[in-house]
N, C-alpha and C. Protein backbone atom coordinates (compact mmCIF):
# COMPACT_ATOMS: atom_id res chain seq x y z
N UNK A 1 0.80 -1.25 -0.24
CA UNK A 1 0.03 -0.07 -0.51
C UNK A 1 0.84 1.28 -0.25
N UNK A 2 0.89 2.32 -0.60
CA UNK A 2 1.28 3.65 -1.12
C UNK A 2 0.53 4.55 -0.01
N UNK A 3 2.24 4.98 0.76
CA UNK A 3 1.58 5.85 1.91
C UNK A 3 1.95 7.15 1.49
N UNK A 4 2.63 7.58 0.50
CA UNK A 4 2.77 8.98 0.15
C UNK A 4 1.90 9.64 0.24
N UNK A 5 2.47 10.66 0.92
CA UNK A 5 1.14 12.04 0.76
C UNK A 5 1.09 13.03 -0.24
N UNK A 6 -0.30 13.29 -0.70
CA UNK A 6 -0.70 14.11 -1.69
C UNK A 6 0.10 15.14 -1.62
N UNK A 7 0.49 15.72 -2.84
CA UNK A 7 1.35 17.43 -2.40
C UNK A 7 -0.15 18.27 -2.32
N UNK A 8 0.73 19.35 -2.06
CA UNK A 8 -0.47 20.43 -1.33
C UNK A 8 -1.03 20.55 -2.94
N UNK A 9 -1.95 21.02 -2.53
CA UNK A 9 -2.96 21.88 -3.23
C UNK A 9 -2.83 23.05 -3.55
N UNK A 10 -2.11 23.85 -4.71
CA UNK A 10 -2.67 25.39 -4.88
C UNK A 10 -3.68 25.91 -5.43
N UNK A 11 -4.10 26.96 -4.83
CA UNK A 11 -5.14 27.49 -5.17
C UNK A 11 -5.04 28.44 -6.72
N UNK A 12 -4.14 29.00 -6.59
CA UNK A 12 -3.46 30.29 -7.85
C UNK A 12 -2.17 29.84 -8.25
N UNK A 13 -1.76 30.20 -9.56
CA UNK A 13 -1.21 29.97 -10.14
C UNK A 13 0.34 31.14 -10.00
N UNK A 14 1.28 30.44 -9.62
CA UNK A 14 2.88 31.31 -9.29
C UNK A 14 3.01 31.90 -10.56
N UNK A 15 3.57 33.25 -10.09
CA UNK A 15 3.97 33.98 -11.57
C UNK A 15 5.27 34.10 -11.36
N UNK A 16 6.68 33.70 -11.94
CA UNK A 16 7.86 33.89 -11.96
C UNK A 16 8.29 35.95 -12.00
N UNK A 17 8.20 36.81 -10.75
CA UNK A 17 8.46 38.19 -10.75
C UNK A 17 9.90 38.55 -9.82
N UNK A 18 10.53 39.99 -10.44
CA UNK A 18 11.75 40.16 -9.12
C UNK A 18 11.41 41.23 -8.88
N UNK A 19 10.94 41.57 -7.40
CA UNK A 19 10.19 42.64 -7.11
C UNK A 19 10.91 42.89 -5.56
N UNK A 20 11.72 44.08 -5.48
CA UNK A 20 12.25 44.14 -4.53
C UNK A 20 11.01 44.76 -3.30
N UNK A 21 11.48 44.29 -1.97
CA UNK A 21 10.61 44.73 -0.97
C UNK A 21 10.93 44.73 0.36
N UNK A 22 10.33 44.90 1.55
CA UNK A 22 10.87 44.75 2.66
C UNK A 22 9.95 43.82 3.49
N UNK A 23 10.88 42.89 4.27
CA UNK A 23 9.96 42.17 4.72
C UNK A 23 10.29 42.56 6.44
N UNK A 24 9.58 43.03 6.97
CA UNK A 24 9.03 43.43 8.84
C UNK A 24 8.36 41.92 9.95
N UNK A 25 9.62 41.81 10.48
CA UNK A 25 8.87 40.68 10.90
C UNK A 25 8.85 40.85 13.01
N UNK A 26 8.71 40.64 13.78
CA UNK A 26 8.43 41.01 14.97
C UNK A 26 9.39 41.98 15.71
N UNK A 27 10.84 40.90 15.51
CA UNK A 27 12.09 41.71 15.93
C UNK A 27 13.08 41.95 14.87
N UNK A 28 12.67 41.82 13.74
CA UNK A 28 13.40 42.55 12.65
C UNK A 28 12.96 42.99 11.39
N UNK A 29 13.80 43.45 10.43
CA UNK A 29 13.39 43.88 9.68
C UNK A 29 14.43 43.69 8.10
N UNK A 30 14.03 43.48 7.03
CA UNK A 30 15.34 43.04 6.22
C UNK A 30 15.13 43.01 4.64
N UNK A 31 15.52 44.06 3.97
CA UNK A 31 14.92 44.11 2.30
C UNK A 31 15.91 42.63 1.81
N UNK A 32 14.39 42.41 0.79
CA UNK A 32 14.88 40.96 0.17
C UNK A 32 13.91 41.40 -1.61
N UNK A 33 13.59 39.88 -2.12
CA UNK A 33 13.20 39.93 -3.36
C UNK A 33 12.13 38.91 -3.62
N UNK A 34 11.19 39.58 -4.00
CA UNK A 34 9.81 38.44 -4.34
C UNK A 34 10.49 37.59 -5.57
N UNK A 35 10.46 36.37 -5.74
CA UNK A 35 10.91 35.34 -6.59
C UNK A 35 9.63 35.24 -7.25
N UNK A 36 8.91 34.75 -6.96
CA UNK A 36 7.65 34.31 -7.31
C UNK A 36 6.45 34.56 -6.76
N UNK A 37 4.84 34.89 -7.66
CA UNK A 37 3.85 35.27 -6.46
C UNK A 37 2.77 35.34 -6.99
N UNK A 38 1.54 34.87 -6.31
CA UNK A 38 0.36 34.42 -6.47
C UNK A 38 -0.41 35.40 -5.60
N UNK A 39 -1.57 35.52 -5.74
CA UNK A 39 -3.17 35.68 -4.90
C UNK A 39 -3.03 35.58 -3.85
N UNK A 40 -2.46 33.89 -3.38
CA UNK A 40 -2.27 33.34 -2.24
C UNK A 40 -0.75 33.76 -1.34
N UNK A 41 -0.21 33.65 -2.00
CA UNK A 41 1.07 33.90 -1.23
C UNK A 41 2.40 34.29 -2.26
N UNK A 42 4.04 34.34 -1.72
CA UNK A 42 4.70 34.49 -2.16
C UNK A 42 5.82 33.64 -1.71
N UNK A 43 7.25 33.54 -2.98
CA UNK A 43 8.81 32.78 -2.25
C UNK A 43 9.29 34.32 -2.44
N UNK A 44 10.24 34.11 -0.90
CA UNK A 44 10.84 35.59 -0.64
C UNK A 44 12.60 35.12 -0.71
N UNK A 45 13.14 35.51 -1.42
CA UNK A 45 14.44 34.96 -1.71
C UNK A 45 15.47 36.20 -0.85
N UNK A 46 16.33 36.27 -0.38
CA UNK A 46 17.34 37.19 0.50
C UNK A 46 17.13 37.40 1.92
N UNK A 47 16.39 36.31 2.42
CA UNK A 47 16.50 36.23 3.81
C UNK A 47 15.28 35.23 4.11
N UNK A 48 14.82 35.32 5.61
CA UNK A 48 14.00 34.30 6.01
C UNK A 48 13.67 34.86 7.46
N UNK A 49 13.00 34.00 7.66
CA UNK A 49 12.03 34.45 9.25
C UNK A 49 11.99 32.88 9.45
N UNK A 50 11.36 32.62 10.79
CA UNK A 50 11.14 30.89 11.45
C UNK A 50 9.80 30.89 11.05
N UNK A 51 9.48 29.58 10.40
CA UNK A 51 8.26 28.80 9.84
C UNK A 51 7.28 29.11 10.93
N UNK A 52 6.04 29.41 10.27
CA UNK A 52 5.02 29.78 11.28
C UNK A 52 4.68 31.31 12.12
N UNK A 53 5.87 31.90 11.75
CA UNK A 53 5.70 33.75 12.58
C UNK A 53 5.07 34.49 11.42
N UNK A 54 4.68 35.47 11.53
CA UNK A 54 3.86 36.65 10.84
C UNK A 54 4.70 37.83 10.58
N UNK A 55 4.84 38.07 9.32
CA UNK A 55 5.37 39.49 8.91
C UNK A 55 4.79 39.90 7.99
N UNK A 56 5.34 41.44 7.30
CA UNK A 56 4.28 42.23 6.57
C UNK A 56 5.56 42.24 5.39
N UNK A 57 4.96 42.70 4.34
CA UNK A 57 5.45 43.19 2.94
C UNK A 57 5.26 44.23 2.62
N UNK A 58 6.64 45.20 2.81
CA UNK A 58 6.18 46.33 2.54
C UNK A 58 6.92 46.62 1.33
N UNK A 59 5.26 47.16 0.18
CA UNK A 59 6.01 47.43 -1.09
C UNK A 59 5.01 48.92 -1.50
N UNK A 60 5.53 49.60 -2.31
CA UNK A 60 4.65 50.77 -2.66
C UNK A 60 4.18 51.55 -2.08
N UNK A 61 4.53 51.72 -1.00
CA UNK A 61 3.65 52.56 0.28
C UNK A 61 2.55 51.37 0.82
N UNK A 62 2.57 50.53 0.41
CA UNK A 62 1.21 49.35 1.24
C UNK A 62 1.96 48.28 1.83
N UNK A 63 0.70 47.74 2.52
CA UNK A 63 1.53 46.32 3.76
C UNK A 63 0.36 45.48 3.01
N UNK A 64 1.51 44.20 3.18
CA UNK A 64 1.08 42.86 2.86
C UNK A 64 0.92 41.86 4.00
N UNK A 65 -0.05 41.44 4.49
CA UNK A 65 0.66 40.73 6.06
C UNK A 65 0.50 39.26 5.48
N UNK A 66 1.38 38.52 5.76
CA UNK A 66 1.86 36.83 5.51
C UNK A 66 2.19 36.03 6.55
N UNK A 67 2.04 34.82 6.38
CA UNK A 67 2.61 34.06 7.29
C UNK A 67 3.78 32.90 7.09
N UNK A 68 4.89 33.09 7.65
CA UNK A 68 5.96 31.96 6.95
C UNK A 68 5.59 30.27 6.81
N UNK A 69 5.30 29.91 5.60
CA UNK A 69 4.69 28.63 5.83
C UNK A 69 6.39 28.00 5.82
N UNK A 70 7.09 27.85 5.15
CA UNK A 70 8.48 27.60 5.00
C UNK A 70 9.67 28.56 5.42
N UNK A 71 10.62 27.79 5.71
CA UNK A 71 11.65 28.69 5.61
C UNK A 71 12.97 28.41 5.89
N UNK A 72 13.93 28.13 4.56
CA UNK A 72 15.65 27.85 4.27
C UNK A 72 16.00 28.92 4.56
N UNK A 73 17.63 29.30 4.89
CA UNK A 73 18.33 30.38 5.43
C UNK A 73 18.37 31.53 4.57
N UNK A 74 17.90 31.20 3.44
CA UNK A 74 17.76 32.46 2.51
C UNK A 74 16.94 32.72 1.36
N UNK A 75 16.12 31.99 2.14
CA UNK A 75 14.54 32.06 1.39
C UNK A 75 13.35 31.58 2.31
N UNK A 76 12.20 32.21 1.58
CA UNK A 76 11.27 31.66 2.69
C UNK A 76 9.68 31.60 1.57
N UNK A 77 8.68 30.61 2.24
CA UNK A 77 7.44 30.85 1.48
C UNK A 77 6.46 31.27 2.37
N UNK A 78 5.86 32.66 1.74
CA UNK A 78 4.43 33.10 2.44
C UNK A 78 3.23 32.77 1.94
N UNK A 79 2.56 32.74 2.81
CA UNK A 79 0.96 32.29 2.30
C UNK A 79 0.21 33.83 3.16
N UNK A 80 -0.38 34.14 2.40
CA UNK A 80 -1.56 35.69 2.83
C UNK A 80 -2.76 35.10 3.47
N UNK A 81 -3.27 35.92 4.40
CA UNK A 81 -4.38 35.33 5.18
C UNK A 81 -5.35 36.18 4.12
N UNK A 82 -5.02 36.88 3.65
CA UNK A 82 -6.55 37.55 2.36
C UNK A 82 -5.63 37.83 1.12
N UNK A 83 -6.20 37.25 0.17
CA UNK A 83 -6.18 37.03 -1.16
C UNK A 83 -5.71 38.34 -2.07
N UNK A 84 -4.81 38.54 -2.50
CA UNK A 84 -4.43 39.49 -2.97
C UNK A 84 -5.37 40.30 -4.14
N UNK A 85 -6.19 41.02 -4.15
CA UNK A 85 -7.39 41.80 -5.11
C UNK A 85 -6.66 43.03 -5.15
N UNK A 86 -5.57 43.90 -4.70
CA UNK A 86 -5.46 45.34 -5.19
C UNK A 86 -4.71 45.62 -5.18
N UNK A 87 -4.05 47.19 -4.18
CA UNK A 87 -3.01 47.39 -4.39
C UNK A 87 -1.64 47.33 -5.14
N UNK A 88 -0.82 47.98 -4.61
CA UNK A 88 0.78 47.88 -5.61
C UNK A 88 1.28 46.62 -6.15
N UNK A 89 0.95 45.73 -4.68
CA UNK A 89 1.70 44.06 -4.97
C UNK A 89 0.69 43.33 -6.46
N UNK A 90 -0.90 43.62 -5.81
CA UNK A 90 -1.19 42.83 -7.41
C UNK A 90 -1.39 43.20 -8.42
N UNK A 91 -0.82 44.86 -8.66
CA UNK A 91 -0.80 45.20 -10.05
C UNK A 91 0.53 44.76 -10.12
N UNK A 92 1.58 44.86 -9.93
CA UNK A 92 2.43 44.23 -10.62
C UNK A 92 2.18 42.23 -10.94
N UNK A 93 1.51 41.96 -9.92
CA UNK A 93 1.12 40.50 -10.45
C UNK A 93 0.47 40.48 -12.23
N UNK A 94 -0.42 41.30 -11.86
CA UNK A 94 -0.89 41.73 -13.28
C UNK A 94 -0.38 41.59 -14.30
N UNK A 95 0.99 42.78 -14.09
CA UNK A 95 1.85 43.43 -14.93
C UNK A 95 2.52 41.84 -15.70
N UNK A 96 2.99 41.25 -14.36
CA UNK A 96 4.00 39.96 -15.14
C UNK A 96 3.34 39.16 -15.99
N UNK A 97 1.83 38.91 -15.27
CA UNK A 97 0.88 37.82 -16.29
C UNK A 97 0.62 38.76 -17.61
N UNK A 98 0.65 40.01 -17.88
CA UNK A 98 0.47 40.01 -19.28
C UNK A 98 -0.83 40.96 -19.20
N UNK A 99 -1.54 41.11 -17.87
CA UNK A 99 -2.97 41.59 -18.03
C UNK A 99 -2.84 43.20 -18.31
N UNK A 100 -1.72 43.81 -18.20
CA UNK A 100 -1.67 45.26 -18.74
C UNK A 100 -1.44 45.68 -19.52
N UNK A 101 -1.97 44.90 -20.77
CA UNK A 101 -1.40 44.95 -22.39
C UNK A 101 -2.91 45.17 -22.92
N UNK A 102 -4.03 45.71 -21.90
CA UNK A 102 -5.17 46.64 -22.71
C UNK A 102 -4.77 47.70 -23.89
N UNK A 103 -5.39 47.46 -25.07
CA UNK A 103 -5.25 48.44 -25.96
C UNK A 103 -6.65 48.92 -26.52
N UNK A 104 -6.73 50.43 -26.23
CA UNK A 104 -7.85 51.34 -26.81
C UNK A 104 -7.63 51.08 -28.41
N UNK A 105 -8.91 51.31 -28.99
CA UNK A 105 -8.61 52.04 -30.16
C UNK A 105 -8.18 53.39 -30.59
N UNK A 106 -7.32 53.10 -31.46
CA UNK A 106 -7.03 54.67 -32.04
C UNK A 106 -7.88 55.69 -31.92
N UNK A 107 -8.09 57.15 -31.67
CA UNK A 107 -8.94 57.48 -31.39
C UNK A 107 -9.33 58.13 -33.09
N UNK A 108 -8.52 57.72 -33.49
CA UNK A 108 -9.94 57.95 -35.11
C UNK A 108 -11.01 57.14 -35.40
N UNK A 109 -11.03 55.71 -34.72
CA UNK A 109 -11.64 54.87 -34.67
C UNK A 109 -12.88 55.04 -33.58
N UNK A 110 -12.52 55.62 -32.46
CA UNK A 110 -13.46 55.97 -31.56
C UNK A 110 -14.88 57.01 -32.19
N UNK A 111 -16.06 56.21 -31.55
CA UNK A 111 -16.93 56.68 -31.74
C UNK A 111 -17.70 57.92 -31.39
N UNK A 112 -17.46 59.17 -31.76
CA UNK A 112 -17.48 60.55 -31.38
C UNK A 112 -19.20 60.49 -30.49
N UNK A 113 -20.11 59.71 -30.83
CA UNK A 113 -20.94 60.20 -30.45
C UNK A 113 -21.81 59.32 -28.88
N UNK A 114 -20.67 58.89 -28.15
CA UNK A 114 -20.78 58.39 -27.18
C UNK A 114 -21.14 56.79 -26.91
N UNK A 115 -21.43 56.04 -25.72
CA UNK A 115 -21.52 54.83 -25.46
C UNK A 115 -22.85 53.80 -26.28
N UNK A 116 -22.65 53.00 -27.27
CA UNK A 116 -23.60 52.91 -28.45
C UNK A 116 -24.53 53.80 -29.37
N UNK A 117 -23.42 54.91 -29.55
CA UNK A 117 -23.97 55.59 -30.73
C UNK A 117 -23.04 55.18 -31.68
N UNK A 118 -23.71 55.40 -33.26
CA UNK A 118 -22.51 55.77 -34.33
C UNK A 118 -22.44 57.54 -34.72
N UNK A 119 -20.85 57.74 -35.11
CA UNK A 119 -20.65 58.76 -35.88
C UNK A 119 -21.42 58.71 -37.32
N UNK A 120 -21.79 59.82 -37.49
CA UNK A 120 -22.59 60.31 -39.03
C UNK A 120 -21.84 60.49 -39.57
């Protein structure tokens, strides 16, 4: 009988990024880099805090709260208690995924009459 544990189910796709942030724990803070990011968590390189500790990610004047899920000497995995849905870090995630490429039609092609009207 196979007794292997099933891998952890991820709800959000990870996206490779390079985002310089400041990590603030209870007793210390340090500069680090987010190497991959999703709406539910991040992998941070450049330092670590103890597993199960809580910390903050400071970026773009915003704070994202997180819990350390695993830690190695130079990196750690963080889980967000509230999924990213707005703010500077979320916007960087969307940019990294290519969602920032919405293009408007050139001005000459837009209808001057407003919503649902055709120009004559």
